[in-house]
Amino acid sequence: MWVLLPAGRVADDLVDFSDFMPTLAELAAAALPEGVLLDGRSFAAPLKGQPGTARDWVFCEHRGRRWVRTQRFKLYDDGRLFDMDGDPAERLAVAPDRQSPEAAAARTKLQSVLDSLATEPPP
């Protein structure tokens, strides 16, 4: 089966590394392995110009640093929050006492995600 993706297609959905396996399997019409717990989501639909199920946030861990982000905000587990729209190089953290209502809401949401991930038992 061939899947022709439109040239120049841009999808700005959040994508996690775990999303690649289900995406490639869907595009190749291949079955995912049975009995394996996967938390990735296919992002094939947006690539094909169809509606998909975009993620609200993604979680990352690298060299002991953990963070969670939305399209706009990124919160590290040490409390630093960055507005990625205005500061993609992460030069100036959003101070808790100087944050906009949007940043305050993002901080609350992303901290809740980090807290929930820290308390989940390992598989």
N, C-alpha and C. Protein backbone atom coordinates (compact mmCIF):
# COMPACT_ATOMS: atom_id res chain seq x y z
N MET A 1 0.84 -1.17 0.00
CA MET A 1 0.00 0.00 0.00
C MET A 1 0.88 1.24 0.00
N TRP A 2 0.57 2.18 -0.85
CA TRP A 2 1.32 3.43 -0.93
C TRP A 2 0.51 4.55 -0.30
N VAL A 3 1.17 5.41 0.43
CA VAL A 3 0.53 6.58 1.00
C VAL A 3 1.25 7.79 0.43
N LEU A 4 0.53 8.62 -0.28
CA LEU A 4 1.11 9.81 -0.86
C LEU A 4 0.80 10.99 0.03
N LEU A 5 1.83 11.56 0.61
CA LEU A 5 1.66 12.72 1.46
C LEU A 5 1.82 13.98 0.61
N PRO A 6 0.96 14.96 0.78
CA PRO A 6 1.05 16.17 -0.02
C PRO A 6 2.37 16.90 0.20
N ALA A 7 2.98 17.37 -0.90
CA ALA A 7 4.22 18.13 -0.80
C ALA A 7 3.98 19.41 -0.02
N GLY A 8 4.92 19.77 0.82
CA GLY A 8 4.83 21.00 1.56
C GLY A 8 3.88 20.97 2.74
N ARG A 9 3.32 19.83 3.06
CA ARG A 9 2.37 19.71 4.18
C ARG A 9 3.07 20.07 5.48
N VAL A 10 2.49 20.94 6.24
CA VAL A 10 3.02 21.32 7.55
C VAL A 10 1.98 20.97 8.60
N ALA A 11 2.39 20.19 9.57
CA ALA A 11 1.52 19.86 10.70
C ALA A 11 2.25 20.34 11.95
N ASP A 12 1.62 21.17 12.73
CA ASP A 12 2.28 21.70 13.91
C ASP A 12 1.81 21.05 15.21
N ASP A 13 1.28 19.85 15.11
CA ASP A 13 0.87 19.11 16.30
C ASP A 13 2.10 18.76 17.13
N LEU A 14 1.92 18.68 18.43
CA LEU A 14 2.98 18.17 19.30
C LEU A 14 3.17 16.69 19.02
N VAL A 15 4.42 16.28 18.89
CA VAL A 15 4.74 14.89 18.61
C VAL A 15 5.79 14.43 19.61
N ASP A 16 5.56 13.27 20.18
CA ASP A 16 6.48 12.65 21.11
C ASP A 16 7.23 11.55 20.38
N PHE A 17 8.44 11.24 20.84
CA PHE A 17 9.22 10.19 20.21
C PHE A 17 8.44 8.87 20.14
N SER A 18 7.62 8.62 21.16
CA SER A 18 6.85 7.38 21.20
C SER A 18 5.77 7.32 20.11
N ASP A 19 5.50 8.43 19.45
CA ASP A 19 4.47 8.48 18.41
C ASP A 19 4.95 7.95 17.06
N PHE A 20 6.25 7.81 16.87
CA PHE A 20 6.76 7.39 15.57
C PHE A 20 6.38 5.96 15.21
N MET A 21 6.47 5.03 16.15
CA MET A 21 6.15 3.64 15.84
C MET A 21 4.70 3.47 15.38
N PRO A 22 3.71 4.00 16.13
CA PRO A 22 2.34 3.84 15.64
C PRO A 22 2.08 4.58 14.33
N THR A 23 2.77 5.68 14.11
CA THR A 23 2.60 6.43 12.86
C THR A 23 3.13 5.64 11.69
N LEU A 24 4.35 5.13 11.81
CA LEU A 24 4.94 4.36 10.72
C LEU A 24 4.14 3.08 10.46
N ALA A 25 3.66 2.45 11.53
CA ALA A 25 2.84 1.25 11.36
C ALA A 25 1.56 1.58 10.60
N GLU A 26 0.92 2.69 10.96
CA GLU A 26 -0.30 3.07 10.26
C GLU A 26 -0.04 3.38 8.79
N LEU A 27 1.02 4.14 8.53
CA LEU A 27 1.34 4.49 7.14
C LEU A 27 1.70 3.26 6.31
N ALA A 28 2.29 2.26 6.95
CA ALA A 28 2.68 1.04 6.24
C ALA A 28 1.59 -0.03 6.30
N ALA A 29 0.47 0.27 6.92
CA ALA A 29 -0.63 -0.69 7.11
C ALA A 29 -0.11 -1.95 7.80
N ALA A 30 0.77 -1.76 8.78
CA ALA A 30 1.34 -2.87 9.54
C ALA A 30 0.69 -2.93 10.92
N ALA A 31 0.62 -4.11 11.45
CA ALA A 31 0.06 -4.29 12.79
C ALA A 31 1.10 -3.94 13.85
N LEU A 32 0.63 -3.34 14.91
CA LEU A 32 1.51 -3.09 16.05
C LEU A 32 1.70 -4.39 16.81
N PRO A 33 2.80 -4.54 17.53
CA PRO A 33 3.03 -5.78 18.26
C PRO A 33 1.96 -6.01 19.33
N GLU A 34 1.54 -7.26 19.44
CA GLU A 34 0.54 -7.61 20.45
C GLU A 34 1.21 -7.81 21.80
N GLY A 35 0.48 -7.48 22.85
CA GLY A 35 0.98 -7.69 24.20
C GLY A 35 2.02 -6.67 24.64
N VAL A 36 2.19 -5.61 23.88
CA VAL A 36 3.16 -4.57 24.23
C VAL A 36 2.39 -3.29 24.53
N LEU A 37 2.64 -2.71 25.69
CA LEU A 37 1.98 -1.47 26.07
C LEU A 37 2.68 -0.31 25.37
N LEU A 38 1.94 0.39 24.52
CA LEU A 38 2.46 1.55 23.80
C LEU A 38 1.67 2.78 24.20
N ASP A 39 2.36 3.86 24.47
CA ASP A 39 1.64 5.09 24.79
C ASP A 39 1.74 6.11 23.68
N GLY A 40 2.32 5.74 22.56
CA GLY A 40 2.41 6.64 21.42
C GLY A 40 1.10 6.73 20.66
N ARG A 41 0.94 7.85 19.97
CA ARG A 41 -0.24 8.09 19.14
C ARG A 41 0.21 8.33 17.71
N SER A 42 -0.51 7.80 16.78
CA SER A 42 -0.18 8.04 15.38
C SER A 42 -0.47 9.49 15.01
N PHE A 43 0.46 10.09 14.28
CA PHE A 43 0.24 11.42 13.74
C PHE A 43 0.15 11.37 12.22
N ALA A 44 -0.27 10.21 11.69
CA ALA A 44 -0.40 10.04 10.24
C ALA A 44 -1.52 10.91 9.67
N ALA A 45 -2.62 11.04 10.37
CA ALA A 45 -3.76 11.80 9.85
C ALA A 45 -3.40 13.23 9.50
N PRO A 46 -2.77 14.01 10.39
CA PRO A 46 -2.41 15.37 10.01
C PRO A 46 -1.42 15.43 8.84
N LEU A 47 -0.56 14.43 8.75
CA LEU A 47 0.37 14.40 7.62
C LEU A 47 -0.37 14.24 6.30
N LYS A 48 -1.49 13.54 6.36
CA LYS A 48 -2.30 13.31 5.15
C LYS A 48 -3.36 14.39 4.96
N GLY A 49 -3.33 15.43 5.81
CA GLY A 49 -4.29 16.51 5.68
C GLY A 49 -5.65 16.20 6.27
N GLN A 50 -5.69 15.23 7.16
CA GLN A 50 -6.94 14.82 7.80
C GLN A 50 -6.91 15.22 9.27
N PRO A 51 -8.08 15.37 9.88
CA PRO A 51 -8.08 15.69 11.32
C PRO A 51 -7.53 14.52 12.13
N GLY A 52 -6.78 14.85 13.14
CA GLY A 52 -6.21 13.83 14.01
C GLY A 52 -6.54 14.13 15.46
N THR A 53 -5.87 13.44 16.35
CA THR A 53 -6.05 13.68 17.78
C THR A 53 -4.74 14.24 18.31
N ALA A 54 -4.64 15.55 18.31
CA ALA A 54 -3.42 16.22 18.75
C ALA A 54 -3.23 16.07 20.25
N ARG A 55 -2.00 16.01 20.64
CA ARG A 55 -1.66 15.95 22.07
C ARG A 55 -1.81 17.32 22.69
N ASP A 56 -2.21 17.35 23.96
CA ASP A 56 -2.25 18.61 24.71
C ASP A 56 -0.87 18.95 25.24
N TRP A 57 -0.08 17.92 25.53
CA TRP A 57 1.25 18.11 26.09
C TRP A 57 2.13 16.91 25.75
N VAL A 58 3.43 17.11 25.86
CA VAL A 58 4.39 16.02 25.74
C VAL A 58 5.35 16.09 26.93
N PHE A 59 5.84 14.94 27.34
CA PHE A 59 6.78 14.83 28.45
C PHE A 59 8.13 14.39 27.91
N CYS A 60 9.19 14.96 28.45
CA CYS A 60 10.55 14.57 28.04
C CYS A 60 11.43 14.42 29.27
N GLU A 61 12.38 13.54 29.16
CA GLU A 61 13.39 13.37 30.19
C GLU A 61 14.71 13.15 29.49
N HIS A 62 15.71 13.91 29.90
CA HIS A 62 17.03 13.79 29.26
C HIS A 62 18.10 14.17 30.28
N ARG A 63 19.00 13.24 30.52
CA ARG A 63 20.13 13.47 31.42
C ARG A 63 19.70 14.04 32.78
N GLY A 64 18.68 13.43 33.33
CA GLY A 64 18.22 13.81 34.65
C GLY A 64 17.31 15.03 34.69
N ARG A 65 17.10 15.67 33.56
CA ARG A 65 16.19 16.80 33.50
C ARG A 65 14.86 16.32 32.94
N ARG A 66 13.78 16.79 33.56
CA ARG A 66 12.44 16.40 33.12
C ARG A 66 11.65 17.66 32.84
N TRP A 67 10.83 17.61 31.80
CA TRP A 67 9.97 18.74 31.49
C TRP A 67 8.74 18.26 30.75
N VAL A 68 7.75 19.12 30.77
CA VAL A 68 6.51 18.86 30.04
C VAL A 68 6.17 20.17 29.34
N ARG A 69 5.62 20.04 28.12
CA ARG A 69 5.32 21.26 27.38
C ARG A 69 4.05 21.14 26.57
N THR A 70 3.48 22.30 26.33
CA THR A 70 2.37 22.45 25.40
C THR A 70 2.96 23.11 24.15
N GLN A 71 2.10 23.48 23.22
CA GLN A 71 2.62 24.21 22.05
C GLN A 71 3.35 25.47 22.49
N ARG A 72 2.84 26.14 23.49
CA ARG A 72 3.39 27.44 23.85
C ARG A 72 4.33 27.44 25.05
N PHE A 73 4.01 26.67 26.09
CA PHE A 73 4.76 26.76 27.34
C PHE A 73 5.53 25.47 27.63
N LYS A 74 6.64 25.62 28.34
CA LYS A 74 7.49 24.50 28.73
C LYS A 74 7.85 24.67 30.20
N LEU A 75 7.53 23.65 31.01
CA LEU A 75 7.81 23.69 32.44
C LEU A 75 8.79 22.57 32.81
N TYR A 76 9.90 22.96 33.43
CA TYR A 76 10.88 22.00 33.93
C TYR A 76 10.48 21.57 35.34
N ASP A 77 10.98 20.41 35.76
CA ASP A 77 10.64 19.92 37.08
C ASP A 77 11.26 20.75 38.20
N ASP A 78 12.16 21.69 37.86
CA ASP A 78 12.70 22.59 38.88
C ASP A 78 11.88 23.88 39.00
N GLY A 79 10.76 23.96 38.26
CA GLY A 79 9.85 25.10 38.37
C GLY A 79 10.03 26.18 37.32
N ARG A 80 11.08 26.09 36.51
CA ARG A 80 11.28 27.11 35.48
C ARG A 80 10.25 26.92 34.37
N LEU A 81 9.58 28.01 34.03
CA LEU A 81 8.57 28.02 32.98
C LEU A 81 9.05 28.95 31.87
N PHE A 82 8.92 28.50 30.62
CA PHE A 82 9.32 29.31 29.48
C PHE A 82 8.15 29.46 28.52
N ASP A 83 8.00 30.66 27.98
CA ASP A 83 7.03 30.92 26.93
C ASP A 83 7.76 30.71 25.62
N MET A 84 7.53 29.57 24.98
CA MET A 84 8.29 29.19 23.80
C MET A 84 7.96 30.04 22.58
N ASP A 85 6.79 30.70 22.58
CA ASP A 85 6.46 31.60 21.47
C ASP A 85 7.40 32.79 21.43
N GLY A 86 7.67 33.37 22.57
CA GLY A 86 8.51 34.56 22.62
C GLY A 86 9.96 34.29 22.95
N ASP A 87 10.27 33.07 23.38
CA ASP A 87 11.62 32.76 23.84
C ASP A 87 11.98 31.31 23.51
N PRO A 88 12.09 30.96 22.23
CA PRO A 88 12.38 29.57 21.89
C PRO A 88 13.77 29.09 22.35
N ALA A 89 14.68 30.02 22.63
CA ALA A 89 16.01 29.64 23.10
C ALA A 89 16.07 29.51 24.62
N GLU A 90 14.93 29.73 25.30
CA GLU A 90 14.84 29.60 26.75
C GLU A 90 15.86 30.48 27.47
N ARG A 91 15.84 31.74 27.15
CA ARG A 91 16.79 32.68 27.77
C ARG A 91 16.23 33.34 29.03
N LEU A 92 14.90 33.46 29.11
CA LEU A 92 14.30 34.18 30.23
C LEU A 92 13.09 33.41 30.75
N ALA A 93 13.24 32.84 31.92
CA ALA A 93 12.13 32.10 32.52
C ALA A 93 11.04 33.07 32.96
N VAL A 94 9.79 32.60 32.90
CA VAL A 94 8.65 33.40 33.36
C VAL A 94 8.62 33.32 34.88
N ALA A 95 8.82 34.46 35.52
CA ALA A 95 8.81 34.50 36.98
C ALA A 95 7.39 34.29 37.49
N PRO A 96 7.23 33.45 38.51
CA PRO A 96 5.88 33.20 39.03
C PRO A 96 5.14 34.46 39.47
N ASP A 97 5.87 35.47 39.96
CA ASP A 97 5.21 36.70 40.42
C ASP A 97 4.98 37.71 39.30
N ARG A 98 5.40 37.39 38.07
CA ARG A 98 5.21 38.30 36.93
C ARG A 98 4.55 37.61 35.75
N GLN A 99 3.86 36.53 35.99
CA GLN A 99 3.31 35.77 34.87
C GLN A 99 1.93 36.26 34.47
N SER A 100 1.64 36.14 33.20
CA SER A 100 0.32 36.49 32.68
C SER A 100 -0.69 35.43 33.12
N PRO A 101 -1.97 35.71 32.97
CA PRO A 101 -2.97 34.69 33.30
C PRO A 101 -2.78 33.40 32.47
N GLU A 102 -2.36 33.54 31.22
CA GLU A 102 -2.11 32.35 30.38
C GLU A 102 -0.95 31.54 30.92
N ALA A 103 0.12 32.24 31.34
CA ALA A 103 1.28 31.53 31.89
C ALA A 103 0.93 30.87 33.22
N ALA A 104 0.13 31.54 34.05
CA ALA A 104 -0.29 30.96 35.33
C ALA A 104 -1.11 29.69 35.11
N ALA A 105 -2.02 29.73 34.15
CA ALA A 105 -2.83 28.56 33.85
C ALA A 105 -1.97 27.43 33.30
N ALA A 106 -1.00 27.77 32.45
CA ALA A 106 -0.10 26.76 31.90
C ALA A 106 0.74 26.14 33.01
N ARG A 107 1.25 26.98 33.91
CA ARG A 107 2.07 26.46 35.01
C ARG A 107 1.27 25.47 35.85
N THR A 108 0.04 25.82 36.18
CA THR A 108 -0.82 24.93 36.98
C THR A 108 -1.06 23.61 36.24
N LYS A 109 -1.43 23.70 34.97
CA LYS A 109 -1.71 22.50 34.18
C LYS A 109 -0.48 21.62 34.05
N LEU A 110 0.66 22.21 33.68
CA LEU A 110 1.87 21.43 33.45
C LEU A 110 2.44 20.87 34.75
N GLN A 111 2.32 21.60 35.84
CA GLN A 111 2.77 21.07 37.13
C GLN A 111 1.93 19.87 37.54
N SER A 112 0.64 19.94 37.25
CA SER A 112 -0.24 18.82 37.53
C SER A 112 0.18 17.58 36.74
N VAL A 113 0.56 17.78 35.49
CA VAL A 113 1.03 16.66 34.67
C VAL A 113 2.30 16.08 35.26
N LEU A 114 3.27 16.94 35.58
CA LEU A 114 4.53 16.45 36.17
C LEU A 114 4.27 15.70 37.46
N ASP A 115 3.40 16.24 38.30
CA ASP A 115 3.08 15.58 39.57
C ASP A 115 2.45 14.21 39.34
N SER A 116 1.56 14.11 38.35
CA SER A 116 0.90 12.82 38.09
C SER A 116 1.89 11.79 37.55
N LEU A 117 2.85 12.22 36.77
CA LEU A 117 3.84 11.30 36.22
C LEU A 117 4.81 10.83 37.29
N ALA A 118 5.09 11.68 38.25
CA ALA A 118 6.02 11.32 39.32
C ALA A 118 5.42 10.31 40.27
N THR A 119 4.09 10.23 40.33
CA THR A 119 3.47 9.33 41.30
C THR A 119 3.00 8.01 40.67
N GLU A 120 3.08 7.92 39.34
CA GLU A 120 2.63 6.67 38.71
C GLU A 120 3.66 5.57 38.94
N PRO A 121 3.20 4.38 39.27
CA PRO A 121 4.13 3.28 39.46
C PRO A 121 4.72 2.84 38.13
N PRO A 122 5.95 2.33 38.13
CA PRO A 122 6.54 1.85 36.88
C PRO A 122 5.77 0.66 36.33
N PRO A 123 5.80 0.49 34.99
CA PRO A 123 5.05 -0.64 34.39
C PRO A 123 5.59 -1.98 34.80
